[in-house]
């Protein structure tokens, strides 16, 4: 996953249709400092949509992961699931999943 500047992070979002999920992503990005680096992964499949947003700022020493997800039903009703993880929580989740899927 490549990190880009805050300004560059808005470009891939322009291809998505307006939605409450997209508004939420914009709200997160609009609260970030100009020094923040962004990584984003979007999966838009017929049966689900997911957006992984990672924000990191070395100057302020933080790293957050935001996961948005919609299945077909949620997409039709314009609802979505949202999870937010800090770096510590992300590492713990990764370790747990690694153990589970050995």
PDB file of N, CA and C in Angstrom:
ATOM      1  N   UNK A   1       0.847  -1.167   0.000  1.00  0.00           N
ATOM      2  CA  UNK A   1       0.000   0.000   0.000  1.00  0.00           C
ATOM      3  C   UNK A   1       0.894   1.232   0.000  1.00  0.00           C
ATOM      4  N   UNK A   2       0.709   2.092  -0.967  1.00  0.00           N
ATOM      5  CA  UNK A   2       1.512   3.308  -1.080  1.00  0.00           C
ATOM      6  C   UNK A   2       0.816   4.470  -0.375  1.00  0.00           C
ATOM      7  N   UNK A   3       1.616   5.274   0.305  1.00  0.00           N
ATOM      8  CA  UNK A   3       1.084   6.452   0.981  1.00  0.00           C
ATOM      9  C   UNK A   3       1.218   7.664   0.072  1.00  0.00           C
ATOM     10  N   UNK A   4       0.194   8.509   0.092  1.00  0.00           N
ATOM     11  CA  UNK A   4       0.171   9.734  -0.701  1.00  0.00           C
ATOM     12  C   UNK A   4      -0.138  10.902   0.226  1.00  0.00           C
ATOM     13  N   UNK A   5      -0.001  12.105  -0.308  1.00  0.00           N
ATOM     14  CA  UNK A   5      -0.321  13.298   0.479  1.00  0.00           C
ATOM     15  C   UNK A   5      -1.828  13.379   0.714  1.00  0.00           C
ATOM     16  N   UNK A   6      -2.181  14.198   1.664  1.00  0.00           N
ATOM     17  CA  UNK A   6      -3.596  14.402   1.974  1.00  0.00           C
ATOM     18  C   UNK A   6      -4.358  14.892   0.746  1.00  0.00           C
ATOM     19  N   UNK A   7      -3.808  15.848   0.018  1.00  0.00           N
ATOM     20  CA  UNK A   7      -4.485  16.376  -1.172  1.00  0.00           C
ATOM     21  C   UNK A   7      -4.688  15.301  -2.233  1.00  0.00           C
ATOM     22  N   UNK A   8      -3.684  14.467  -2.442  1.00  0.00           N
ATOM     23  CA  UNK A   8      -3.782  13.404  -3.449  1.00  0.00           C
ATOM     24  C   UNK A   8      -4.807  12.331  -3.073  1.00  0.00           C
ATOM     25  N   UNK A   9      -5.093  12.210  -1.795  1.00  0.00           N
ATOM     26  CA  UNK A   9      -5.998  11.144  -1.349  1.00  0.00           C
ATOM     27  C   UNK A   9      -7.441  11.351  -1.813  1.00  0.00           C
ATOM     28  N   UNK A  10      -7.796  12.557  -2.188  1.00  0.00           N
ATOM     29  CA  UNK A  10      -9.164  12.827  -2.627  1.00  0.00           C
ATOM     30  C   UNK A  10      -9.430  12.352  -4.061  1.00  0.00           C
ATOM     31  N   UNK A  11      -8.379  12.164  -4.870  1.00  0.00           N
ATOM     32  CA  UNK A  11      -8.562  11.801  -6.279  1.00  0.00           C
ATOM     33  C   UNK A  11      -9.329  10.492  -6.481  1.00  0.00           C
ATOM     34  N   UNK A  12      -8.966   9.384  -5.823  1.00  0.00           N
ATOM     35  CA  UNK A  12      -9.718   8.141  -6.067  1.00  0.00           C
ATOM     36  C   UNK A  12     -11.171   8.221  -5.608  1.00  0.00           C
ATOM     37  N   UNK A  13     -11.454   9.118  -4.683  1.00  0.00           N
ATOM     38  CA  UNK A  13     -12.825   9.247  -4.169  1.00  0.00           C
ATOM     39  C   UNK A  13     -13.745   9.903  -5.188  1.00  0.00           C
ATOM     40  N   UNK A  14     -13.182  10.627  -6.127  1.00  0.00           N
ATOM     41  CA  UNK A  14     -13.994  11.309  -7.137  1.00  0.00           C
ATOM     42  C   UNK A  14     -14.719  10.330  -8.049  1.00  0.00           C
ATOM     43  N   UNK A  15     -14.217   9.101  -8.129  1.00  0.00           N
ATOM     44  CA  UNK A  15     -14.837   8.093  -8.988  1.00  0.00           C
ATOM     45  C   UNK A  15     -16.020   7.389  -8.323  1.00  0.00           C
ATOM     46  N   UNK A  16     -16.216   7.620  -7.033  1.00  0.00           N
ATOM     47  CA  UNK A  16     -17.287   6.958  -6.293  1.00  0.00           C
ATOM     48  C   UNK A  16     -18.557   7.801  -6.304  1.00  0.00           C
ATOM     49  N   UNK A  17     -19.718   7.144  -6.338  1.00  0.00           N
ATOM     50  CA  UNK A  17     -20.974   7.906  -6.298  1.00  0.00           C
ATOM     51  C   UNK A  17     -21.191   8.519  -4.914  1.00  0.00           C
ATOM     52  N   UNK A  18     -21.890   9.636  -4.846  1.00  0.00           N
ATOM     53  CA  UNK A  18     -22.181  10.255  -3.548  1.00  0.00           C
ATOM     54  C   UNK A  18     -22.938   9.282  -2.644  1.00  0.00           C
ATOM     55  N   UNK A  19     -22.562   9.255  -1.369  1.00  0.00           N
ATOM     56  CA  UNK A  19     -23.211   8.360  -0.412  1.00  0.00           C
ATOM     57  C   UNK A  19     -22.856   8.810   0.998  1.00  0.00           C
ATOM     58  N   UNK A  20     -23.597   8.324   2.010  1.00  0.00           N
ATOM     59  CA  UNK A  20     -23.222   8.632   3.401  1.00  0.00           C
ATOM     60  C   UNK A  20     -21.815   8.124   3.734  1.00  0.00           C
ATOM     61  N   UNK A  21     -21.435   6.972   3.183  1.00  0.00           N
ATOM     62  CA  UNK A  21     -20.094   6.435   3.421  1.00  0.00           C
ATOM     63  C   UNK A  21     -19.035   7.397   2.891  1.00  0.00           C
ATOM     64  N   UNK A  22     -19.214   7.871   1.677  1.00  0.00           N
ATOM     65  CA  UNK A  22     -18.262   8.799   1.081  1.00  0.00           C
ATOM     66  C   UNK A  22     -18.187  10.103   1.888  1.00  0.00           C
ATOM     67  N   UNK A  23     -19.300  10.570   2.367  1.00  0.00           N
ATOM     68  CA  UNK A  23     -19.323  11.767   3.210  1.00  0.00           C
ATOM     69  C   UNK A  23     -18.502  11.536   4.481  1.00  0.00           C
ATOM     70  N   UNK A  24     -18.626  10.356   5.081  1.00  0.00           N
ATOM     71  CA  UNK A  24     -17.875  10.007   6.288  1.00  0.00           C
ATOM     72  C   UNK A  24     -16.366  10.010   6.002  1.00  0.00           C
ATOM     73  N   UNK A  25     -15.959   9.438   4.880  1.00  0.00           N
ATOM     74  CA  UNK A  25     -14.538   9.428   4.493  1.00  0.00           C
ATOM     75  C   UNK A  25     -14.036  10.865   4.332  1.00  0.00           C
ATOM     76  N   UNK A  26     -14.815  11.700   3.673  1.00  0.00           N
ATOM     77  CA  UNK A  26     -14.432  13.110   3.502  1.00  0.00           C
ATOM     78  C   UNK A  26     -14.305  13.812   4.853  1.00  0.00           C
ATOM     79  N   UNK A  27     -15.200  13.514   5.777  1.00  0.00           N
ATOM     80  CA  UNK A  27     -15.126  14.129   7.111  1.00  0.00           C
ATOM     81  C   UNK A  27     -13.825  13.750   7.810  1.00  0.00           C
ATOM     82  N   UNK A  28     -13.431  12.490   7.697  1.00  0.00           N
ATOM     83  CA  UNK A  28     -12.167  12.055   8.309  1.00  0.00           C
ATOM     84  C   UNK A  28     -10.996  12.787   7.670  1.00  0.00           C
ATOM     85  N   UNK A  29     -10.952  12.793   6.347  1.00  0.00           N
ATOM     86  CA  UNK A  29      -9.840  13.438   5.647  1.00  0.00           C
ATOM     87  C   UNK A  29      -9.781  14.938   5.918  1.00  0.00           C
ATOM     88  N   UNK A  30     -10.929  15.576   6.041  1.00  0.00           N
ATOM     89  CA  UNK A  30     -10.963  17.021   6.290  1.00  0.00           C
ATOM     90  C   UNK A  30     -10.466  17.397   7.681  1.00  0.00           C
ATOM     91  N   UNK A  31     -10.412  16.439   8.609  1.00  0.00           N
ATOM     92  CA  UNK A  31      -9.913  16.735   9.962  1.00  0.00           C
ATOM     93  C   UNK A  31      -8.415  16.468  10.089  1.00  0.00           C
ATOM     94  N   UNK A  32      -7.810  15.905   9.054  1.00  0.00           N
ATOM     95  CA  UNK A  32      -6.388  15.558   9.116  1.00  0.00           C
ATOM     96  C   UNK A  32      -5.506  16.786   8.868  1.00  0.00           C
ATOM     97  N   UNK A  33      -4.332  16.754   9.481  1.00  0.00           N
ATOM     98  CA  UNK A  33      -3.320  17.783   9.307  1.00  0.00           C
ATOM     99  C   UNK A  33      -2.682  17.657   7.926  1.00  0.00           C
ATOM    100  N   UNK A  34      -2.171  18.738   7.391  1.00  0.00           N
ATOM    101  CA  UNK A  34      -1.565  18.730   6.048  1.00  0.00           C
ATOM    102  C   UNK A  34      -0.367  17.784   5.953  1.00  0.00           C
ATOM    103  N   UNK A  35       0.285  17.485   7.073  1.00  0.00           N
ATOM    104  CA  UNK A  35       1.436  16.576   7.077  1.00  0.00           C
ATOM    105  C   UNK A  35       1.039  15.105   7.064  1.00  0.00           C
ATOM    106  N   UNK A  36      -0.230  14.815   7.174  1.00  0.00           N
ATOM    107  CA  UNK A  36      -0.701  13.430   7.220  1.00  0.00           C
ATOM    108  C   UNK A  36      -0.511  12.750   5.873  1.00  0.00           C
ATOM    109  N   UNK A  37      -0.074  11.504   5.927  1.00  0.00           N
ATOM    110  CA  UNK A  37       0.033  10.662   4.733  1.00  0.00           C
ATOM    111  C   UNK A  37      -1.133   9.681   4.743  1.00  0.00           C
ATOM    112  N   UNK A  38      -1.630   9.374   3.549  1.00  0.00           N
ATOM    113  CA  UNK A  38      -2.839   8.564   3.406  1.00  0.00           C
ATOM    114  C   UNK A  38      -2.553   7.371   2.497  1.00  0.00           C
ATOM    115  N   UNK A  39      -3.075   6.220   2.907  1.00  0.00           N
ATOM    116  CA  UNK A  39      -3.101   5.043   2.038  1.00  0.00           C
ATOM    117  C   UNK A  39      -4.550   4.597   1.953  1.00  0.00           C
ATOM    118  N   UNK A  40      -4.946   4.144   0.766  1.00  0.00           N
ATOM    119  CA  UNK A  40      -6.348   3.781   0.568  1.00  0.00           C
ATOM    120  C   UNK A  40      -6.431   2.574  -0.356  1.00  0.00           C
ATOM    121  N   UNK A  41      -7.338   1.670  -0.011  1.00  0.00           N
ATOM    122  CA  UNK A  41      -7.606   0.524  -0.867  1.00  0.00           C
ATOM    123  C   UNK A  41      -9.119   0.421  -1.010  1.00  0.00           C
ATOM    124  N   UNK A  42      -9.599   0.437  -2.249  1.00  0.00           N
ATOM    125  CA  UNK A  42     -11.038   0.372  -2.523  1.00  0.00           C
ATOM    126  C   UNK A  42     -11.317  -0.902  -3.302  1.00  0.00           C
ATOM    127  N   UNK A  43     -12.294  -1.680  -2.814  1.00  0.00           N
ATOM    128  CA  UNK A  43     -12.753  -2.879  -3.531  1.00  0.00           C
ATOM    129  C   UNK A  43     -14.241  -2.709  -3.795  1.00  0.00           C
ATOM    130  N   UNK A  44     -14.591  -2.573  -5.052  1.00  0.00           N
ATOM    131  CA  UNK A  44     -15.992  -2.383  -5.448  1.00  0.00           C
ATOM    132  C   UNK A  44     -16.410  -3.589  -6.285  1.00  0.00           C
ATOM    133  N   UNK A  45     -17.010  -4.564  -5.626  1.00  0.00           N
ATOM    134  CA  UNK A  45     -17.421  -5.824  -6.263  1.00  0.00           C
ATOM    135  C   UNK A  45     -18.943  -5.888  -6.306  1.00  0.00           C
ATOM    136  N   UNK A  46     -19.510  -6.768  -7.136  1.00  0.00           N
ATOM    137  CA  UNK A  46     -20.974  -6.861  -7.203  1.00  0.00           C
ATOM    138  C   UNK A  46     -21.639  -7.195  -5.860  1.00  0.00           C
ATOM    139  N   UNK A  47     -20.974  -8.019  -5.033  1.00  0.00           N
ATOM    140  CA  UNK A  47     -21.612  -8.435  -3.781  1.00  0.00           C
ATOM    141  C   UNK A  47     -21.140  -7.670  -2.541  1.00  0.00           C
ATOM    142  N   UNK A  48     -20.136  -6.795  -2.686  1.00  0.00           N
ATOM    143  CA  UNK A  48     -19.713  -5.980  -1.548  1.00  0.00           C
ATOM    144  C   UNK A  48     -18.885  -4.780  -2.010  1.00  0.00           C
ATOM    145  N   UNK A  49     -18.754  -3.829  -1.103  1.00  0.00           N
ATOM    146  CA  UNK A  49     -17.889  -2.677  -1.300  1.00  0.00           C
ATOM    147  C   UNK A  49     -17.093  -2.501  -0.012  1.00  0.00           C
ATOM    148  N   UNK A  50     -15.790  -2.298  -0.133  1.00  0.00           N
ATOM    149  CA  UNK A  50     -14.990  -1.997   1.055  1.00  0.00           C
ATOM    150  C   UNK A  50     -13.995  -0.890   0.729  1.00  0.00           C
ATOM    151  N   UNK A  51     -13.701  -0.109   1.736  1.00  0.00           N
ATOM    152  CA  UNK A  51     -12.726   0.955   1.616  1.00  0.00           C
ATOM    153  C   UNK A  51     -11.879   0.930   2.880  1.00  0.00           C
ATOM    154  N   UNK A  52     -10.585   0.734   2.700  1.00  0.00           N
ATOM    155  CA  UNK A  52      -9.636   0.771   3.804  1.00  0.00           C
ATOM    156  C   UNK A  52      -8.871   2.082   3.697  1.00  0.00           C
ATOM    157  N   UNK A  53      -8.919   2.871   4.746  1.00  0.00           N
ATOM    158  CA  UNK A  53      -8.261   4.178   4.789  1.00  0.00           C
ATOM    159  C   UNK A  53      -7.266   4.161   5.941  1.00  0.00           C
ATOM    160  N   UNK A  54      -5.996   4.403   5.640  1.00  0.00           N
ATOM    161  CA  UNK A  54      -4.955   4.458   6.670  1.00  0.00           C
ATOM    162  C   UNK A  54      -4.416   5.877   6.706  1.00  0.00           C
ATOM    163  N   UNK A  55      -4.408   6.451   7.893  1.00  0.00           N
ATOM    164  CA  UNK A  55      -3.876   7.807   8.087  1.00  0.00           C
ATOM    165  C   UNK A  55      -2.688   7.721   9.036  1.00  0.00           C
ATOM    166  N   UNK A  56      -1.593   8.376   8.658  1.00  0.00           N
ATOM    167  CA  UNK A  56      -0.414   8.360   9.526  1.00  0.00           C
ATOM    168  C   UNK A  56       0.250   9.730   9.501  1.00  0.00           C
ATOM    169  N   UNK A  57       0.743  10.127  10.645  1.00  0.00           N
ATOM    170  CA  UNK A  57       1.402  11.416  10.761  1.00  0.00           C
ATOM    171  C   UNK A  57       2.605  11.253  11.691  1.00  0.00           C
ATOM    172  N   UNK A  58       3.808  11.251  11.113  1.00  0.00           N
ATOM    173  CA  UNK A  58       5.034  11.044  11.899  1.00  0.00           C
ATOM    174  C   UNK A  58       5.264  12.190  12.878  1.00  0.00           C
ATOM    175  N   UNK A  59       4.930  13.400  12.465  1.00  0.00           N
ATOM    176  CA  UNK A  59       5.150  14.565  13.328  1.00  0.00           C
ATOM    177  C   UNK A  59       4.305  14.474  14.606  1.00  0.00           C
ATOM    178  N   UNK A  60       3.066  14.006  14.458  1.00  0.00           N
ATOM    179  CA  UNK A  60       2.178  13.889  15.612  1.00  0.00           C
ATOM    180  C   UNK A  60       2.172  12.470  16.187  1.00  0.00           C
ATOM    181  N   UNK A  61       2.931  11.566  15.566  1.00  0.00           N
ATOM    182  CA  UNK A  61       3.136  10.197  16.045  1.00  0.00           C
ATOM    183  C   UNK A  61       1.827   9.414  16.213  1.00  0.00           C
ATOM    184  N   UNK A  62       1.074   9.292  15.115  1.00  0.00           N
ATOM    185  CA  UNK A  62      -0.106   8.425  15.160  1.00  0.00           C
ATOM    186  C   UNK A  62      -0.294   7.693  13.848  1.00  0.00           C
ATOM    187  N   UNK A  63      -1.083   6.648  13.924  1.00  0.00           N
ATOM    188  CA  UNK A  63      -1.379   5.773  12.787  1.00  0.00           C
ATOM    189  C   UNK A  63      -2.757   5.199  13.060  1.00  0.00           C
ATOM    190  N   UNK A  64      -3.696   5.407  12.154  1.00  0.00           N
ATOM    191  CA  UNK A  64      -5.057   4.888  12.323  1.00  0.00           C
ATOM    192  C   UNK A  64      -5.511   4.173  11.060  1.00  0.00           C
ATOM    193  N   UNK A  65      -6.317   3.158  11.256  1.00  0.00           N
ATOM    194  CA  UNK A  65      -6.898   2.422  10.141  1.00  0.00           C
ATOM    195  C   UNK A  65      -8.420   2.533  10.257  1.00  0.00           C
ATOM    196  N   UNK A  66      -9.058   2.917   9.156  1.00  0.00           N
ATOM    197  CA  UNK A  66     -10.509   3.048   9.094  1.00  0.00           C
ATOM    198  C   UNK A  66     -11.011   2.059   8.042  1.00  0.00           C
ATOM    199  N   UNK A  67     -11.932   1.206   8.433  1.00  0.00           N
ATOM    200  CA  UNK A  67     -12.472   0.214   7.507  1.00  0.00           C
ATOM    201  C   UNK A  67     -13.965   0.456   7.327  1.00  0.00           C
ATOM    202  N   UNK A  68     -14.360   0.646   6.071  1.00  0.00           N
ATOM    203  CA  UNK A  68     -15.771   0.818   5.698  1.00  0.00           C
ATOM    204  C   UNK A  68     -16.183  -0.391   4.879  1.00  0.00           C
ATOM    205  N   UNK A  69     -17.393  -0.883   5.112  1.00  0.00           N
ATOM    206  CA  UNK A  69     -17.836  -2.089   4.407  1.00  0.00           C
ATOM    207  C   UNK A  69     -19.349  -2.036   4.168  1.00  0.00           C
ATOM    208  N   UNK A  70     -19.763  -2.479   2.978  1.00  0.00           N
ATOM    209  CA  UNK A  70     -21.192  -2.610   2.654  1.00  0.00           C
ATOM    210  C   UNK A  70     -21.395  -3.914   1.893  1.00  0.00           C
ATOM    211  N   UNK A  71     -22.371  -4.710   2.321  1.00  0.00           N
ATOM    212  CA  UNK A  71     -22.773  -5.844   1.495  1.00  0.00           C
ATOM    213  C   UNK A  71     -23.893  -5.364   0.567  1.00  0.00           C
ATOM    214  N   UNK A  72     -24.494  -6.280  -0.182  1.00  0.00           N
ATOM    215  CA  UNK A  72     -25.525  -5.867  -1.156  1.00  0.00           C
ATOM    216  C   UNK A  72     -26.716  -5.199  -0.481  1.00  0.00           C
ATOM    217  N   UNK A  73     -27.155  -5.753   0.625  1.00  0.00           N
ATOM    218  CA  UNK A  73     -28.330  -5.189   1.315  1.00  0.00           C
ATOM    219  C   UNK A  73     -28.018  -3.798   1.848  1.00  0.00           C
ATOM    220  N   UNK A  74     -26.865  -3.651   2.485  1.00  0.00           N
ATOM    221  CA  UNK A  74     -26.474  -2.343   3.015  1.00  0.00           C
ATOM    222  C   UNK A  74     -26.307  -1.326   1.886  1.00  0.00           C
ATOM    223  N   UNK A  75     -25.778  -1.766   0.781  1.00  0.00           N
ATOM    224  CA  UNK A  75     -25.605  -0.857  -0.363  1.00  0.00           C
ATOM    225  C   UNK A  75     -26.964  -0.351  -0.842  1.00  0.00           C
ATOM    226  N   UNK A  76     -27.948  -1.241  -0.911  1.00  0.00           N
ATOM    227  CA  UNK A  76     -29.292  -0.858  -1.369  1.00  0.00           C
ATOM    228  C   UNK A  76     -29.988   0.095  -0.413  1.00  0.00           C
ATOM    229  N   UNK A  77     -29.655  -0.013   0.873  1.00  0.00           N
ATOM    230  CA  UNK A  77     -30.289   0.856   1.871  1.00  0.00           C
ATOM    231  C   UNK A  77     -29.396   2.036   2.266  1.00  0.00           C
ATOM    232  N   UNK A  78     -28.250   2.177   1.561  1.00  0.00           N
ATOM    233  CA  UNK A  78     -27.294   3.264   1.811  1.00  0.00           C
ATOM    234  C   UNK A  78     -26.779   3.269   3.249  1.00  0.00           C
ATOM    235  N   UNK A  79     -26.601   2.065   3.798  1.00  0.00           N
ATOM    236  CA  UNK A  79     -26.011   1.900   5.122  1.00  0.00           C
ATOM    237  C   UNK A  79     -24.639   1.264   4.965  1.00  0.00           C
ATOM    238  N   UNK A  80     -23.816   1.345   5.993  1.00  0.00           N
ATOM    239  CA  UNK A  80     -22.487   0.747   5.933  1.00  0.00           C
ATOM    240  C   UNK A  80     -21.993   0.450   7.338  1.00  0.00           C
ATOM    241  N   UNK A  81     -20.984  -0.408   7.403  1.00  0.00           N
ATOM    242  CA  UNK A  81     -20.322  -0.710   8.671  1.00  0.00           C
ATOM    243  C   UNK A  81     -19.005   0.056   8.708  1.00  0.00           C
ATOM    244  N   UNK A  82     -18.629   0.485   9.907  1.00  0.00           N
ATOM    245  CA  UNK A  82     -17.409   1.259  10.068  1.00  0.00           C
ATOM    246  C   UNK A  82     -16.659   0.760  11.294  1.00  0.00           C
ATOM    247  N   UNK A  83     -15.348   0.551  11.125  1.00  0.00           N
ATOM    248  CA  UNK A  83     -14.470   0.150  12.230  1.00  0.00           C
ATOM    249  C   UNK A  83     -13.220   1.012  12.160  1.00  0.00           C
ATOM    250  N   UNK A  84     -12.743   1.425  13.322  1.00  0.00           N
ATOM    251  CA  UNK A  84     -11.556   2.275  13.423  1.00  0.00           C
ATOM    252  C   UNK A  84     -10.582   1.587  14.368  1.00  0.00           C
ATOM    253  N   UNK A  85      -9.303   1.474  13.944  1.00  0.00           N
ATOM    254  CA  UNK A  85      -8.288   0.811  14.751  1.00  0.00           C
ATOM    255  C   UNK A  85      -7.046   1.693  14.847  1.00  0.00           C
ATOM    256  N   UNK A  86      -6.475   1.758  16.042  1.00  0.00           N
ATOM    257  CA  UNK A  86      -5.180   2.420  16.214  1.00  0.00           C
ATOM    258  C   UNK A  86      -4.085   1.444  15.787  1.00  0.00           C
ATOM    259  N   UNK A  87      -2.843   1.889  15.785  1.00  0.00           N
ATOM    260  CA  UNK A  87      -1.733   1.017  15.411  1.00  0.00           C
ATOM    261  C   UNK A  87      -1.652  -0.177  16.361  1.00  0.00           C
ATOM    262  N   UNK A  88      -1.819   0.047  17.648  1.00  0.00           N
ATOM    263  CA  UNK A  88      -1.741  -1.039  18.626  1.00  0.00           C
ATOM    264  C   UNK A  88      -2.861  -2.048  18.386  1.00  0.00           C
ATOM    265  N   UNK A  89      -4.069  -1.563  18.180  1.00  0.00           N
ATOM    266  CA  UNK A  89      -5.196  -2.467  17.911  1.00  0.00           C
ATOM    267  C   UNK A  89      -5.000  -3.221  16.602  1.00  0.00           C
ATOM    268  N   UNK A  90      -4.453  -2.560  15.589  1.00  0.00           N
ATOM    269  CA  UNK A  90      -4.222  -3.197  14.300  1.00  0.00           C
ATOM    270  C   UNK A  90      -3.205  -4.329  14.410  1.00  0.00           C
ATOM    271  N   UNK A  91      -2.141  -4.093  15.164  1.00  0.00           N
ATOM    272  CA  UNK A  91      -1.129  -5.130  15.358  1.00  0.00           C
ATOM    273  C   UNK A  91      -1.733  -6.313  16.100  1.00  0.00           C
ATOM    274  N   UNK A  92      -2.509  -6.037  17.138  1.00  0.00           N
ATOM    275  CA  UNK A  92      -3.155  -7.112  17.893  1.00  0.00           C
ATOM    276  C   UNK A  92      -4.126  -7.896  17.001  1.00  0.00           C
ATOM    277  N   UNK A  93      -4.918  -7.205  16.204  1.00  0.00           N
ATOM    278  CA  UNK A  93      -5.854  -7.864  15.296  1.00  0.00           C
ATOM    279  C   UNK A  93      -5.096  -8.725  14.285  1.00  0.00           C
ATOM    280  N   UNK A  94      -4.017  -8.206  13.737  1.00  0.00           N
ATOM    281  CA  UNK A  94      -3.203  -8.965  12.784  1.00  0.00           C
ATOM    282  C   UNK A  94      -2.663 -10.238  13.434  1.00  0.00           C
ATOM    283  N   UNK A  95      -2.148 -10.119  14.655  1.00  0.00           N
ATOM    284  CA  UNK A  95      -1.610 -11.288  15.356  1.00  0.00           C
ATOM    285  C   UNK A  95      -2.693 -12.327  15.628  1.00  0.00           C
ATOM    286  N   UNK A  96      -3.854 -11.873  16.043  1.00  0.00           N
ATOM    287  CA  UNK A  96      -4.978 -12.794  16.302  1.00  0.00           C
ATOM    288  C   UNK A  96      -5.403 -13.516  15.023  1.00  0.00           C
ATOM    289  N   UNK A  97      -5.547 -12.779  13.940  1.00  0.00           N
ATOM    290  CA  UNK A  97      -5.958 -13.388  12.672  1.00  0.00           C
ATOM    291  C   UNK A  97      -4.880 -14.326  12.139  1.00  0.00           C
ATOM    292  N   UNK A  98      -3.615 -13.979  12.339  1.00  0.00           N
ATOM    293  CA  UNK A  98      -2.523 -14.855  11.894  1.00  0.00           C
ATOM    294  C   UNK A  98      -2.567 -16.189  12.628  1.00  0.00           C
ATOM    295  N   UNK A  99      -2.846 -16.126  13.924  1.00  0.00           N
ATOM    296  CA  UNK A  99      -2.960 -17.356  14.719  1.00  0.00           C
ATOM    297  C   UNK A  99      -4.177 -18.168  14.302  1.00  0.00           C
ATOM    298  N   UNK A 100      -5.255 -17.489  14.024  1.00  0.00           N
ATOM    299  CA  UNK A 100      -6.505 -18.166  13.654  1.00  0.00           C
ATOM    300  C   UNK A 100      -6.383 -18.886  12.323  1.00  0.00           C
ATOM    301  N   UNK A 101      -5.696 -18.284  11.374  1.00  0.00           N
ATOM    302  CA  UNK A 101      -5.640 -18.842  10.012  1.00  0.00           C
ATOM    303  C   UNK A 101      -4.335 -19.564   9.705  1.00  0.00           C
ATOM    304  N   UNK A 102      -3.660 -20.087  10.738  1.00  0.00           N
ATOM    305  CA  UNK A 102      -2.431 -20.862  10.520  1.00  0.00           C
ATOM    306  C   UNK A 102      -2.720 -22.139   9.786  1.00  0.00           C
TER     307      UNK A 102
END
